[in-house]
N, C-alpha and C. Protein backbone atom coordinates (compact mmCIF):
# COMPACT_ATOMS: atom_id res chain seq x y z
N MET A 1 0.84 -1.17 0.00
CA MET A 1 0.00 0.00 0.00
C MET A 1 0.89 1.23 0.00
N THR A 2 0.57 2.16 -0.89
CA THR A 2 1.36 3.38 -0.98
C THR A 2 0.61 4.52 -0.31
N TYR A 3 1.37 5.51 0.10
CA TYR A 3 0.79 6.69 0.71
C TYR A 3 1.03 7.89 -0.18
N PHE A 4 0.17 8.90 -0.04
CA PHE A 4 0.34 10.10 -0.84
C PHE A 4 1.60 10.83 -0.41
N THR A 5 2.32 11.34 -1.40
CA THR A 5 3.46 12.19 -1.14
C THR A 5 3.14 13.58 -1.68
N ILE A 6 4.02 14.52 -1.42
CA ILE A 6 3.79 15.88 -1.90
C ILE A 6 3.82 15.93 -3.43
N GLY A 7 4.54 15.00 -4.04
CA GLY A 7 4.58 14.94 -5.50
C GLY A 7 3.25 14.55 -6.12
N ASP A 8 2.44 13.81 -5.40
CA ASP A 8 1.13 13.42 -5.93
C ASP A 8 0.19 14.61 -6.02
N PHE A 9 0.35 15.58 -5.13
CA PHE A 9 -0.52 16.74 -5.14
C PHE A 9 -0.22 17.67 -6.30
N ILE A 10 0.95 17.50 -6.91
CA ILE A 10 1.27 18.28 -8.10
C ILE A 10 0.32 17.93 -9.23
N LEU A 11 -0.20 16.73 -9.24
CA LEU A 11 -1.16 16.31 -10.26
C LEU A 11 -2.60 16.52 -9.79
N ILE A 12 -2.87 16.31 -8.52
CA ILE A 12 -4.25 16.35 -8.03
C ILE A 12 -4.83 17.77 -8.06
N ILE A 13 -4.06 18.75 -7.64
CA ILE A 13 -4.58 20.12 -7.58
C ILE A 13 -4.91 20.66 -8.98
N PRO A 14 -4.04 20.53 -9.99
CA PRO A 14 -4.42 21.01 -11.33
C PRO A 14 -5.60 20.25 -11.94
N MET A 15 -5.72 18.96 -11.63
CA MET A 15 -6.86 18.21 -12.15
C MET A 15 -8.17 18.70 -11.54
N ALA A 16 -8.14 19.06 -10.26
CA ALA A 16 -9.33 19.61 -9.62
C ALA A 16 -9.68 20.95 -10.24
N LEU A 17 -8.68 21.77 -10.50
CA LEU A 17 -8.93 23.07 -11.12
C LEU A 17 -9.47 22.90 -12.54
N ALA A 18 -8.91 21.96 -13.29
CA ALA A 18 -9.39 21.72 -14.65
C ALA A 18 -10.83 21.23 -14.66
N GLY A 19 -11.17 20.35 -13.74
CA GLY A 19 -12.56 19.87 -13.67
C GLY A 19 -13.52 20.98 -13.30
N ALA A 20 -13.11 21.85 -12.37
CA ALA A 20 -13.96 22.97 -11.97
C ALA A 20 -14.15 23.94 -13.13
N LEU A 21 -13.11 24.21 -13.87
CA LEU A 21 -13.22 25.12 -15.01
C LEU A 21 -14.03 24.51 -16.14
N PHE A 22 -13.85 23.21 -16.35
CA PHE A 22 -14.56 22.53 -17.44
C PHE A 22 -16.07 22.51 -17.20
N LEU A 23 -16.49 22.07 -16.03
CA LEU A 23 -17.93 22.02 -15.75
C LEU A 23 -18.49 23.39 -15.37
N GLY A 24 -17.64 24.29 -14.88
CA GLY A 24 -18.11 25.63 -14.56
C GLY A 24 -18.39 26.47 -15.78
N ALA A 25 -17.90 26.04 -16.93
CA ALA A 25 -18.12 26.78 -18.17
C ALA A 25 -19.48 26.49 -18.80
N ILE A 26 -20.21 25.53 -18.25
CA ILE A 26 -21.54 25.22 -18.77
C ILE A 26 -22.49 26.35 -18.37
N PRO A 27 -23.19 26.94 -19.34
CA PRO A 27 -24.09 28.05 -19.00
C PRO A 27 -25.27 27.58 -18.14
N CYS A 28 -25.55 28.33 -17.09
CA CYS A 28 -26.65 28.03 -16.17
C CYS A 28 -27.46 29.29 -15.92
N ALA A 29 -28.68 29.09 -15.46
CA ALA A 29 -29.55 30.23 -15.19
C ALA A 29 -29.24 30.87 -13.84
N THR A 30 -28.76 30.10 -12.89
CA THR A 30 -28.51 30.64 -11.56
C THR A 30 -27.05 30.43 -11.17
N HIS A 31 -26.60 31.26 -10.25
CA HIS A 31 -25.23 31.13 -9.75
C HIS A 31 -25.09 29.87 -8.89
N PHE A 32 -26.16 29.48 -8.23
CA PHE A 32 -26.10 28.29 -7.39
C PHE A 32 -25.80 27.05 -8.23
N LYS A 33 -26.50 26.90 -9.36
CA LYS A 33 -26.24 25.74 -10.23
C LYS A 33 -24.83 25.78 -10.79
N ASN A 34 -24.36 26.98 -11.09
CA ASN A 34 -23.00 27.12 -11.61
C ASN A 34 -21.97 26.71 -10.57
N ASN A 35 -22.19 27.11 -9.32
CA ASN A 35 -21.27 26.73 -8.25
C ASN A 35 -21.33 25.23 -7.96
N VAL A 36 -22.52 24.64 -8.04
CA VAL A 36 -22.65 23.20 -7.84
C VAL A 36 -21.90 22.45 -8.94
N LEU A 37 -21.99 22.92 -10.17
CA LEU A 37 -21.26 22.28 -11.26
C LEU A 37 -19.76 22.42 -11.07
N ARG A 38 -19.32 23.56 -10.57
CA ARG A 38 -17.88 23.74 -10.32
C ARG A 38 -17.38 22.78 -9.25
N VAL A 39 -18.13 22.63 -8.18
CA VAL A 39 -17.73 21.71 -7.10
C VAL A 39 -17.74 20.28 -7.61
N PHE A 40 -18.76 19.91 -8.37
CA PHE A 40 -18.84 18.56 -8.92
C PHE A 40 -17.68 18.31 -9.89
N GLY A 41 -17.34 19.31 -10.69
CA GLY A 41 -16.21 19.17 -11.60
C GLY A 41 -14.89 19.01 -10.86
N ALA A 42 -14.73 19.76 -9.77
CA ALA A 42 -13.51 19.63 -8.97
C ALA A 42 -13.42 18.24 -8.36
N LEU A 43 -14.52 17.71 -7.88
CA LEU A 43 -14.51 16.36 -7.31
C LEU A 43 -14.21 15.31 -8.37
N LEU A 44 -14.76 15.48 -9.55
CA LEU A 44 -14.45 14.54 -10.64
C LEU A 44 -12.98 14.63 -11.04
N GLY A 45 -12.43 15.84 -11.06
CA GLY A 45 -11.01 16.00 -11.37
C GLY A 45 -10.12 15.33 -10.35
N VAL A 46 -10.46 15.47 -9.07
CA VAL A 46 -9.68 14.83 -8.01
C VAL A 46 -9.81 13.31 -8.13
N LEU A 47 -10.99 12.82 -8.42
CA LEU A 47 -11.18 11.37 -8.58
C LEU A 47 -10.37 10.84 -9.76
N ALA A 48 -10.37 11.56 -10.87
CA ALA A 48 -9.58 11.12 -12.03
C ALA A 48 -8.09 11.13 -11.71
N ALA A 49 -7.63 12.16 -11.01
CA ALA A 49 -6.21 12.22 -10.64
C ALA A 49 -5.86 11.11 -9.66
N PHE A 50 -6.75 10.84 -8.72
CA PHE A 50 -6.51 9.77 -7.75
C PHE A 50 -6.40 8.42 -8.45
N LEU A 51 -7.29 8.17 -9.40
CA LEU A 51 -7.22 6.92 -10.14
C LEU A 51 -5.95 6.84 -10.97
N LEU A 52 -5.51 7.96 -11.51
CA LEU A 52 -4.28 7.99 -12.30
C LEU A 52 -3.06 7.75 -11.42
N VAL A 53 -3.02 8.43 -10.27
CA VAL A 53 -1.87 8.29 -9.36
C VAL A 53 -1.79 6.88 -8.79
N GLU A 54 -2.92 6.31 -8.41
CA GLU A 54 -2.91 4.98 -7.81
C GLU A 54 -2.89 3.86 -8.86
N GLY A 55 -3.37 4.14 -10.05
CA GLY A 55 -3.46 3.10 -11.06
C GLY A 55 -2.20 2.89 -11.87
N LEU A 56 -1.43 3.93 -12.11
CA LEU A 56 -0.23 3.78 -12.92
C LEU A 56 0.82 2.86 -12.30
N PRO A 57 1.10 2.97 -11.00
CA PRO A 57 2.08 2.01 -10.45
C PRO A 57 1.63 0.55 -10.53
N ALA A 58 0.35 0.32 -10.53
CA ALA A 58 -0.14 -1.05 -10.63
C ALA A 58 0.07 -1.63 -12.03
N LEU A 59 0.12 -0.76 -13.03
CA LEU A 59 0.31 -1.22 -14.39
C LEU A 59 1.77 -1.49 -14.73
N ILE A 60 2.66 -0.92 -13.94
CA ILE A 60 4.10 -1.06 -14.25
C ILE A 60 4.63 -2.35 -13.65
């Protein structure tokens, strides 16, 4: 079992930002829906980065 290092956060933080920007760009009628999409996008970005960080060593 591996633990997160500071190097892993170099990938996780930009992926969260990219997910927030990607889903936050969807036009919405209210600011609340826009903020919910941004949070959901950030969570999806972190999940994708987590799968990438944990999955790549298993493939090698």
